[in-house]
Protein backbone atom coordinates (compact mmCIF):
# COMPACT_ATOMS: atom_id res chain seq x y z
CA MET A 1 170.55 280.00 8.08
CA SER A 2 170.03 277.08 10.37
CA LEU A 3 166.64 278.36 11.25
CA MET A 4 165.46 278.40 7.62
CA ASN A 5 166.71 274.89 6.90
CA SER A 6 164.89 273.35 9.84
CA SER A 7 162.17 270.77 8.95
CA LYS A 8 159.83 271.63 11.73
CA PRO A 9 156.95 273.84 10.71
CA LEU A 10 156.70 277.22 12.05
CA PRO A 11 153.82 277.64 14.37
CA LEU A 12 150.86 279.68 13.10
CA LYS A 13 149.32 282.26 15.14
CA GLY A 14 145.73 283.55 15.46
CA ALA A 15 143.71 284.14 12.22
CA GLU A 16 146.17 282.22 10.10
CA SER A 17 145.40 278.95 11.90
CA VAL A 18 141.64 279.42 11.56
CA ALA A 19 141.89 280.14 7.79
CA SER A 20 143.96 277.06 7.31
CA ALA A 21 141.32 274.86 9.01
CA ASP A 22 138.51 276.31 6.86
CA SER A 23 140.50 275.67 3.70
CA ILE A 24 140.99 272.07 4.68
CA ALA A 25 137.27 271.62 5.33
CA VAL A 26 136.31 273.18 2.03
CA ALA A 27 138.81 271.03 0.20
CA ALA A 28 137.48 267.94 1.93
CA ALA A 29 133.89 268.88 1.00
CA ASN A 30 134.86 269.51 -2.58
CA TYR A 31 136.66 266.20 -2.73
CA GLY A 32 133.59 264.35 -1.40
CA ALA A 33 131.28 266.02 -3.89
CA ASN A 34 133.65 265.22 -6.74
CA LEU A 35 133.92 261.65 -5.55
CA LYS A 36 130.10 261.33 -5.42
CA ARG A 37 129.70 262.80 -8.88
CA ALA A 38 132.32 260.36 -10.18
CA GLY A 39 130.43 257.45 -8.60
CA VAL A 40 127.16 258.51 -10.17
CA ALA A 41 128.85 258.95 -13.54
CA ALA A 42 130.47 255.56 -13.22
CA ALA A 43 127.10 253.98 -12.36
CA ILE A 44 125.51 255.69 -15.33
CA LEU A 45 128.31 254.43 -17.56
CA VAL A 46 127.82 250.91 -16.24
CA VAL A 47 124.05 251.06 -16.92
CA ILE A 48 124.64 252.47 -20.38
CA GLY A 49 127.20 249.76 -21.11
CA ALA A 50 124.89 247.02 -19.87
CA THR A 51 122.01 248.44 -21.87
CA ALA A 52 124.14 248.72 -24.98
CA GLY A 53 125.07 245.06 -24.63
CA LEU A 54 121.60 243.67 -23.78
CA VAL A 55 119.46 245.56 -26.32
CA PRO A 56 121.19 244.10 -29.42
CA ARG A 57 120.99 240.65 -27.88
CA TRP A 58 117.27 241.15 -27.13
CA GLN A 59 116.65 242.45 -30.62
CA HIS A 60 118.53 239.51 -32.08
CA GLN A 61 116.48 237.06 -30.01
CA LYS A 62 113.30 238.83 -31.08
CA ARG A 63 114.26 238.63 -34.75
CA ALA A 64 115.22 234.97 -34.31
CA GLY A 65 111.82 234.24 -32.75
CA GLU A 66 109.99 236.01 -35.53
CA ARG A 67 112.08 234.15 -38.10
CA SER A 68 111.27 230.85 -36.41
CA ARG A 69 107.57 231.63 -36.42
CA GLU A 70 107.76 232.59 -40.09
CA LEU A 71 109.57 229.40 -40.97
CA ALA A 72 106.93 227.38 -39.10
CA ILE A 73 104.25 228.68 -41.51
CA PRO A 74 104.42 226.71 -44.82
CA SER A 75 104.74 228.62 -48.06
CA VAL A 76 102.43 227.58 -50.88
CA SER A 77 102.26 228.63 -54.52
CA VAL A 78 98.92 230.03 -55.61
CA VAL A 79 97.29 230.68 -58.95
CA ALA A 80 94.16 232.58 -59.96
CA PRO A 81 91.43 230.88 -62.05
CA LYS A 82 91.49 232.01 -65.66
CA PRO A 83 88.54 232.17 -68.07
CA GLY A 84 88.59 229.56 -70.80
CA LYS A 85 87.51 229.97 -74.38
CA ALA A 86 83.84 230.54 -75.08
CA ILE A 87 82.21 227.58 -76.82
CA THR A 88 80.61 228.47 -80.14
CA GLY A 89 79.34 225.32 -81.75
CA LEU A 90 79.76 221.75 -80.58
CA GLU A 91 80.98 218.73 -82.51
CA TYR A 92 80.40 215.13 -81.45
CA PRO A 93 80.91 211.68 -82.99
CA ALA A 94 77.81 210.12 -84.49
CA GLU A 95 76.55 206.77 -85.75
CA ILE A 96 74.53 206.49 -88.96
CA LYS A 97 71.74 203.93 -89.27
CA PRO A 98 68.99 203.29 -91.85
CA LEU A 99 65.63 204.92 -91.39
CA ILE A 100 64.09 201.42 -91.29
CA GLU A 101 66.00 198.15 -91.01
CA ALA A 102 64.60 194.68 -90.46
CA PRO A 103 65.77 191.07 -90.67
CA ILE A 104 63.57 188.94 -92.97
CA TYR A 105 62.76 185.51 -91.48
CA ALA A 106 60.83 182.59 -92.97
CA ARG A 107 57.39 181.81 -91.56
CA SER A 108 57.21 178.40 -93.25
CA SER A 109 59.64 175.51 -92.94
CA GLY A 110 61.04 173.85 -96.04
CA TYR A 111 63.83 174.07 -98.62
CA LEU A 112 64.74 177.31 -100.36
CA LYS A 113 63.48 176.83 -103.89
CA ARG A 114 64.41 180.18 -105.43
CA CYS A 115 66.34 183.26 -104.35
CA LEU A 116 65.49 186.26 -106.48
CA VAL A 117 67.61 188.97 -104.80
CA ASP A 118 71.14 189.42 -103.49
CA ILE A 119 73.04 192.01 -101.46
CA GLY A 120 72.71 195.45 -102.99
CA SER A 121 69.39 194.67 -104.69
CA VAL A 122 66.87 197.48 -104.56
CA VAL A 123 63.35 196.23 -103.97
CA LYS A 124 59.89 197.71 -103.49
CA ALA A 125 57.27 196.80 -100.94
CA GLY A 126 55.60 193.48 -101.93
CA ASP A 127 58.37 192.33 -104.30
CA LEU A 128 59.09 188.60 -104.23
CA LEU A 129 62.44 187.88 -102.58
CA ALA A 130 62.51 184.07 -102.39
CA GLU A 131 60.33 180.93 -102.60
CA ILE A 132 60.28 178.01 -100.18
CA ASP A 133 59.30 174.48 -101.16
CA ALA A 134 57.22 172.93 -98.34
CA PRO A 135 55.67 169.57 -99.45
CA GLU A 136 54.73 168.63 -95.87
CA LEU A 137 52.72 171.81 -95.61
CA GLU A 138 50.87 170.97 -98.84
CA GLN A 139 49.95 167.58 -97.44
CA GLU A 140 48.74 169.13 -94.18
CA LEU A 141 46.64 171.58 -96.13
CA ALA A 142 45.07 168.78 -98.21
CA GLU A 143 44.29 166.84 -95.05
CA ALA A 144 42.73 169.90 -93.43
CA ARG A 145 40.53 170.49 -96.45
CA ALA A 146 39.33 166.88 -96.36
CA GLN A 147 38.52 167.24 -92.65
CA LEU A 148 36.59 170.39 -93.46
CA ALA A 149 34.56 168.52 -96.06
CA GLN A 150 33.80 165.79 -93.51
CA SER A 151 32.72 168.37 -90.97
CA LYS A 152 30.41 170.03 -93.47
CA ALA A 153 28.83 166.66 -94.42
CA ALA A 154 28.30 165.79 -90.76
CA LEU A 155 26.75 169.21 -90.23
CA ALA A 156 24.28 168.71 -93.08
CA LEU A 157 23.20 165.35 -91.67
CA ALA A 158 22.89 166.76 -88.16
CA LYS A 159 20.76 169.68 -89.37
CA SER A 160 18.33 167.41 -91.28
CA THR A 161 18.09 165.04 -88.31
CA ALA A 162 17.38 167.90 -85.95
CA GLU A 163 14.63 169.19 -88.26
CA ARG A 164 12.97 165.76 -88.49
CA TRP A 165 13.07 165.30 -84.72
CA ALA A 166 11.56 168.73 -84.28
CA GLY A 167 8.64 167.67 -86.54
CA LEU A 168 8.15 164.42 -84.64
CA LEU A 169 8.16 166.34 -81.39
CA ARG A 170 5.14 168.35 -82.52
CA SER A 171 3.22 165.12 -83.14
CA ASP A 172 4.51 163.58 -79.90
CA GLY A 173 6.45 161.00 -81.90
CA VAL A 174 9.61 161.59 -79.87
CA SER A 175 10.37 162.99 -76.46
CA GLN A 176 11.55 166.49 -75.79
CA GLN A 177 14.90 165.09 -74.61
CA GLU A 178 15.56 163.33 -77.89
CA ALA A 179 14.68 166.41 -79.90
CA ASP A 180 17.03 168.58 -77.78
CA GLU A 181 19.85 166.07 -78.24
CA LYS A 182 19.54 166.20 -82.03
CA LYS A 183 19.46 170.01 -81.97
CA ALA A 184 22.58 170.16 -79.80
CA ASP A 185 24.35 167.69 -82.09
CA ALA A 186 23.67 169.99 -85.04
CA GLU A 187 25.10 172.95 -83.15
CA LEU A 188 28.19 170.90 -82.30
CA LYS A 189 28.70 170.09 -85.96
CA VAL A 190 28.54 173.84 -86.76
CA ALA A 191 31.38 174.44 -84.32
CA ASN A 192 33.37 171.57 -85.85
CA VAL A 193 33.00 173.11 -89.29
CA ALA A 194 34.21 176.50 -87.96
CA ALA A 195 37.27 174.85 -86.37
CA ALA A 196 38.07 172.99 -89.58
CA GLU A 197 37.78 176.18 -91.61
CA ALA A 198 40.14 178.00 -89.22
CA HIS A 199 42.66 175.18 -89.54
CA VAL A 200 42.49 175.34 -93.32
CA ASN A 201 42.90 179.13 -93.27
CA ARG A 202 45.96 178.87 -91.00
CA LEU A 203 47.62 176.37 -93.33
CA GLN A 204 46.77 178.52 -96.35
CA ASP A 205 48.41 181.51 -94.67
CA LEU A 206 51.48 179.41 -93.91
CA ARG A 207 51.61 178.31 -97.52
CA SER A 208 51.43 181.94 -98.62
CA PHE A 209 54.54 182.57 -96.48
CA CYS A 210 56.41 180.21 -98.79
CA ALA A 211 56.65 183.26 -100.99
CA VAL A 212 58.96 185.64 -99.07
CA THR A 213 58.14 189.26 -99.97
CA ALA A 214 59.60 192.65 -99.01
CA PRO A 215 57.65 194.39 -96.21
CA PHE A 216 58.85 197.84 -97.34
CA SER A 217 60.94 199.44 -100.05
CA GLY A 218 64.68 199.44 -99.54
CA LYS A 219 67.96 197.72 -100.28
CA ILE A 220 69.11 194.22 -99.42
CA THR A 221 72.15 194.70 -97.19
CA SER A 222 72.75 191.08 -96.20
CA ARG A 223 71.79 187.55 -97.29
CA GLY A 224 72.03 184.57 -94.94
CA THR A 225 70.88 181.63 -97.08
CA ASP A 226 71.17 180.00 -100.49
CA VAL A 227 69.13 177.78 -102.81
CA GLY A 228 68.62 174.26 -101.46
CA GLN A 229 69.18 175.17 -97.82
CA LEU A 230 66.74 173.86 -95.24
CA ILE A 231 64.74 176.73 -93.74
CA ALA A 232 63.30 176.48 -90.23
CA ALA A 233 60.33 178.64 -89.33
CA SER A 234 61.29 178.61 -85.66
CA GLY A 235 63.94 181.29 -86.19
CA GLY A 236 67.69 181.01 -86.56
CA THR A 237 69.57 182.89 -89.24
CA PRO A 238 67.51 185.51 -91.10
CA LEU A 239 67.16 185.08 -94.84
CA PHE A 240 67.89 188.74 -95.63
CA PHE A 241 68.46 192.13 -94.07
CA LEU A 242 66.41 194.87 -95.68
CA ALA A 243 67.20 198.55 -95.04
CA GLN A 244 65.54 201.76 -96.16
CA ILE A 245 68.42 204.16 -96.85
CA ASP A 246 66.90 207.02 -98.84
CA LYS A 247 66.78 208.75 -95.46
CA LEU A 248 69.14 207.95 -92.61
CA ARG A 249 69.01 208.26 -88.86
CA VAL A 250 72.01 209.86 -87.13
CA TYR A 251 72.48 209.10 -83.43
CA VAL A 252 74.58 211.43 -81.25
CA ARG A 253 75.20 211.34 -77.51
CA VAL A 254 75.35 214.89 -76.13
CA PRO A 255 76.98 215.53 -72.72
CA GLN A 256 74.79 216.61 -69.85
CA ILE A 257 76.29 220.11 -69.65
CA VAL A 258 74.96 221.06 -73.10
CA ALA A 259 71.95 218.73 -73.32
CA ARG A 260 69.41 221.51 -72.83
CA THR A 261 70.84 223.50 -75.74
CA VAL A 262 69.71 220.82 -78.25
CA ALA A 263 66.05 220.93 -79.30
CA VAL A 264 63.80 219.21 -81.85
CA GLY A 265 63.87 221.02 -85.19
CA GLN A 266 67.39 222.35 -84.67
CA THR A 267 69.70 222.09 -87.69
CA ALA A 268 73.17 220.58 -87.66
CA LYS A 269 76.01 219.82 -90.04
CA LEU A 270 77.06 216.25 -90.81
CA THR A 271 80.59 215.54 -92.04
CA LEU A 272 82.23 212.26 -93.03
CA PRO A 273 85.93 211.42 -93.47
CA GLU A 274 85.41 210.05 -96.98
CA HIS A 275 83.64 213.26 -98.06
CA TYR A 276 86.30 215.74 -96.98
CA GLY A 277 85.12 219.32 -97.21
CA ARG A 278 81.48 218.41 -97.81
CA VAL A 279 78.69 219.21 -95.36
CA PHE A 280 75.37 217.33 -95.27
CA PRO A 281 72.51 219.18 -93.57
CA ALA A 282 70.71 217.27 -90.82
CA THR A 283 67.75 218.03 -88.57
CA VAL A 284 67.08 216.98 -84.99
CA THR A 285 63.92 214.85 -85.07
CA ARG A 286 63.74 213.63 -81.47
CA THR A 287 65.66 213.12 -78.23
CA SER A 288 65.43 210.41 -75.63
CA GLY A 289 64.37 212.96 -73.01
CA ALA A 290 66.48 211.30 -70.32
CA MET A 291 70.16 211.06 -69.47
CA SER A 292 71.86 207.70 -69.92
CA ALA A 293 72.76 206.30 -66.50
CA ASP A 294 76.11 204.86 -67.61
CA SER A 295 77.47 207.83 -69.60
CA ARG A 296 75.37 210.80 -68.40
CA THR A 297 74.64 211.76 -71.99
CA LEU A 298 71.47 212.55 -73.91
CA LEU A 299 70.70 210.42 -76.99
CA VAL A 300 69.78 212.72 -79.87
CA GLU A 301 68.39 211.49 -83.20
CA LEU A 302 68.80 213.46 -86.40
CA GLU A 303 67.61 212.78 -89.93
CA VAL A 304 69.63 213.34 -93.09
CA ASP A 305 68.53 212.99 -96.69
CA ASN A 306 70.34 210.28 -98.66
CA ALA A 307 68.36 210.13 -101.89
CA ALA A 308 71.61 210.09 -103.89
CA GLY A 309 72.97 207.18 -101.83
CA GLU A 310 76.22 208.99 -101.01
CA ILE A 311 76.16 208.09 -97.32
CA PHE A 312 76.52 204.50 -96.16
CA SER A 313 74.50 203.29 -93.22
CA GLY A 314 76.63 202.20 -90.30
CA ALA A 315 79.31 204.80 -91.14
CA TYR A 316 81.14 206.97 -88.63
CA ALA A 317 80.47 210.71 -88.83
CA GLN A 318 80.80 214.00 -86.97
CA VAL A 319 77.83 216.21 -86.14
CA HIS A 320 78.38 219.93 -85.59
CA PHE A 321 75.72 221.93 -83.74
CA ALA A 322 76.45 225.47 -84.92
CA ASP A 323 73.65 227.15 -82.94
CA VAL A 324 74.96 226.05 -79.54
CA LYS A 325 76.83 228.75 -77.60
CA LEU A 326 78.11 228.44 -74.04
CA ASP A 327 79.75 231.05 -71.84
CA ALA A 328 83.42 230.62 -71.05
CA ALA A 329 84.02 228.70 -67.84
CA LEU A 330 86.90 229.29 -65.43
CA THR A 331 89.87 226.97 -65.75
CA LEU A 332 92.47 225.75 -63.27
CA PRO A 333 95.58 223.58 -63.57
CA SER A 334 94.76 219.97 -62.87
CA ASN A 335 97.39 219.87 -60.10
CA THR A 336 95.18 222.11 -57.92
CA LEU A 337 92.56 219.40 -57.42
CA LEU A 338 92.19 217.38 -54.25
CA PHE A 339 90.49 214.00 -54.53
CA ARG A 340 88.72 213.51 -51.22
CA SER A 341 85.90 211.29 -50.01
CA GLU A 342 83.75 214.43 -49.78
CA GLY A 343 84.25 214.99 -53.51
CA MET A 344 86.52 217.11 -55.68
CA GLN A 345 88.03 220.01 -53.71
CA VAL A 346 90.56 222.84 -54.04
CA GLY A 347 92.44 224.80 -51.39
CA VAL A 348 91.96 228.59 -51.46
CA ALA A 349 94.36 230.99 -49.69
CA GLY A 350 92.16 233.40 -47.73
CA GLU A 351 92.87 237.05 -46.98
CA ASN A 352 93.52 236.13 -43.32
CA GLY A 353 96.33 233.76 -44.28
CA LYS A 354 94.23 230.67 -43.59
CA VAL A 355 93.31 227.78 -45.90
CA GLU A 356 89.73 227.41 -47.06
CA LEU A 357 88.76 224.08 -48.66
CA ARG A 358 86.04 224.37 -51.29
CA LYS A 359 84.10 221.74 -53.16
CA VAL A 360 84.18 222.29 -56.93
CA ALA A 361 82.38 220.87 -59.95
CA ILE A 362 84.56 220.24 -62.98
CA GLY A 363 83.54 220.37 -66.62
CA ARG A 364 85.68 219.32 -69.54
CA ASP A 365 89.10 217.84 -68.84
CA PHE A 366 91.86 219.05 -71.17
CA GLY A 367 94.68 217.18 -69.44
CA GLN A 368 96.78 219.81 -67.68
CA ILE A 369 93.81 222.21 -67.55
CA VAL A 370 90.26 221.50 -66.34
CA GLU A 371 87.10 223.58 -66.45
CA ILE A 372 85.64 224.63 -63.10
CA LEU A 373 81.88 225.03 -63.22
CA SER A 374 81.33 226.09 -59.61
CA GLY A 375 83.17 226.58 -56.33
CA VAL A 376 85.67 229.36 -57.15
CA ASN A 377 85.71 232.80 -58.75
CA ALA A 378 88.28 234.77 -60.70
CA SER A 379 89.59 236.66 -57.64
CA ASP A 380 90.43 233.56 -55.58
CA ARG A 381 93.99 232.37 -55.01
CA VAL A 382 94.02 228.61 -55.43
CA ILE A 383 96.86 226.52 -54.00
CA LEU A 384 99.05 224.63 -56.45
CA ASN A 385 100.17 221.08 -55.66
CA PRO A 386 98.28 220.85 -52.34
CA SER A 387 99.47 218.18 -49.94
CA ASP A 388 97.20 215.38 -48.83
CA SER A 389 97.42 216.73 -45.27
CA LEU A 390 96.02 220.14 -46.23
CA MET A 391 93.23 221.00 -43.81
CA ASP A 392 90.68 223.76 -43.55
CA GLY A 393 91.82 226.70 -41.38
CA ILE A 394 95.59 226.07 -41.19
CA ALA A 395 97.94 229.06 -41.56
CA ILE A 396 99.88 229.42 -44.80
CA ARG A 397 101.95 231.99 -46.67
CA ALA A 398 100.77 232.42 -50.26
CA VAL A 399 103.42 232.95 -52.92
CA GLU A 400 102.62 233.60 -56.55
CA PRO A 401 104.75 231.62 -59.00
CA GLY A 402 107.85 233.59 -60.02
CA LYS A 403 107.85 235.71 -56.85
CA THR A 404 109.59 235.28 -53.50
CA THR A 405 108.65 236.33 -49.99
CA ALA A 406 110.29 239.31 -48.27
CA SER A 407 112.08 237.05 -45.81
CA GLU A 408 113.71 235.20 -48.64
């Protein structure tokens, strides 16, 4: 009993002790292998944990960088050019003038003796309009006639003297010098007579101008004098204005863009506010053939019949060219234009995400919309409200109005 309760181990003998040592070695080897596998597993777990923590952070930093780069690129709204309406027929303001219009001045000075016409009077070519009383001119004419008579008398005496001296020269009664002097004096008197006759004719013509006549048929549109008024031949206020209004000239200024569509012989329609609904046919008679430097327009003259006197000269009218047809031009909002020293430009968003500045030519301006004659096509994306700092080649992100980007 005491032997079994003893704490001392019982000694092993022989094979038992060897087996016990091998078991301990195997157990120790197994423990080392297990410990190594646990270390490797722990290391793998640490790497996996570190990777699991770093990858999201790296992905977040990558997304943040991409977001920053996206935000650094400005977003711009773009719009595509749209075709405008095709132009069929053009209408322009016009000015109506008489076919012939002239101010009538006096050629002789004096007092107005009679006035036979007034405004609105219809006259024919050669009709007497007024008479001028010129007593000084009558006296000058009488004096000139007397001088002419004196010159003719002196000429007759000089001719007879020259003939006598020529006869004496043949008989050696006078010298050759004296005969030549008398002949030259006769020729001088001939010239004096011619000068006196010219003076008389001039004064007679001036006296004929005392009767003021109409140079052509027409209507008196203005009168600038009255009976008893002193008339000066040097100019001043015209006595009358005479206009031929059975046919009228119509002047229209056509813009440069359509100037070549208007040709001589082309028909047009003339309308006036006071004749609402009525159309007066007109015909293009001539053009100036050159653009006006101040307005860049072509002056076109038309002719309209006014035998009935329904159209007043000087009136305002509208001329419609029905035969003119222009293709529809592209249009853009006016807030796409850039006013630069190089000229009118627009910014176009390219396919590579870069800005391309293009010079454009504009046509008609409708306020919020303008016609674009050259520089863009229908497939371009034009930047709306471009900033003054917009430069060629900068990166942008184009956004159509009403749409948002994917990042937004």
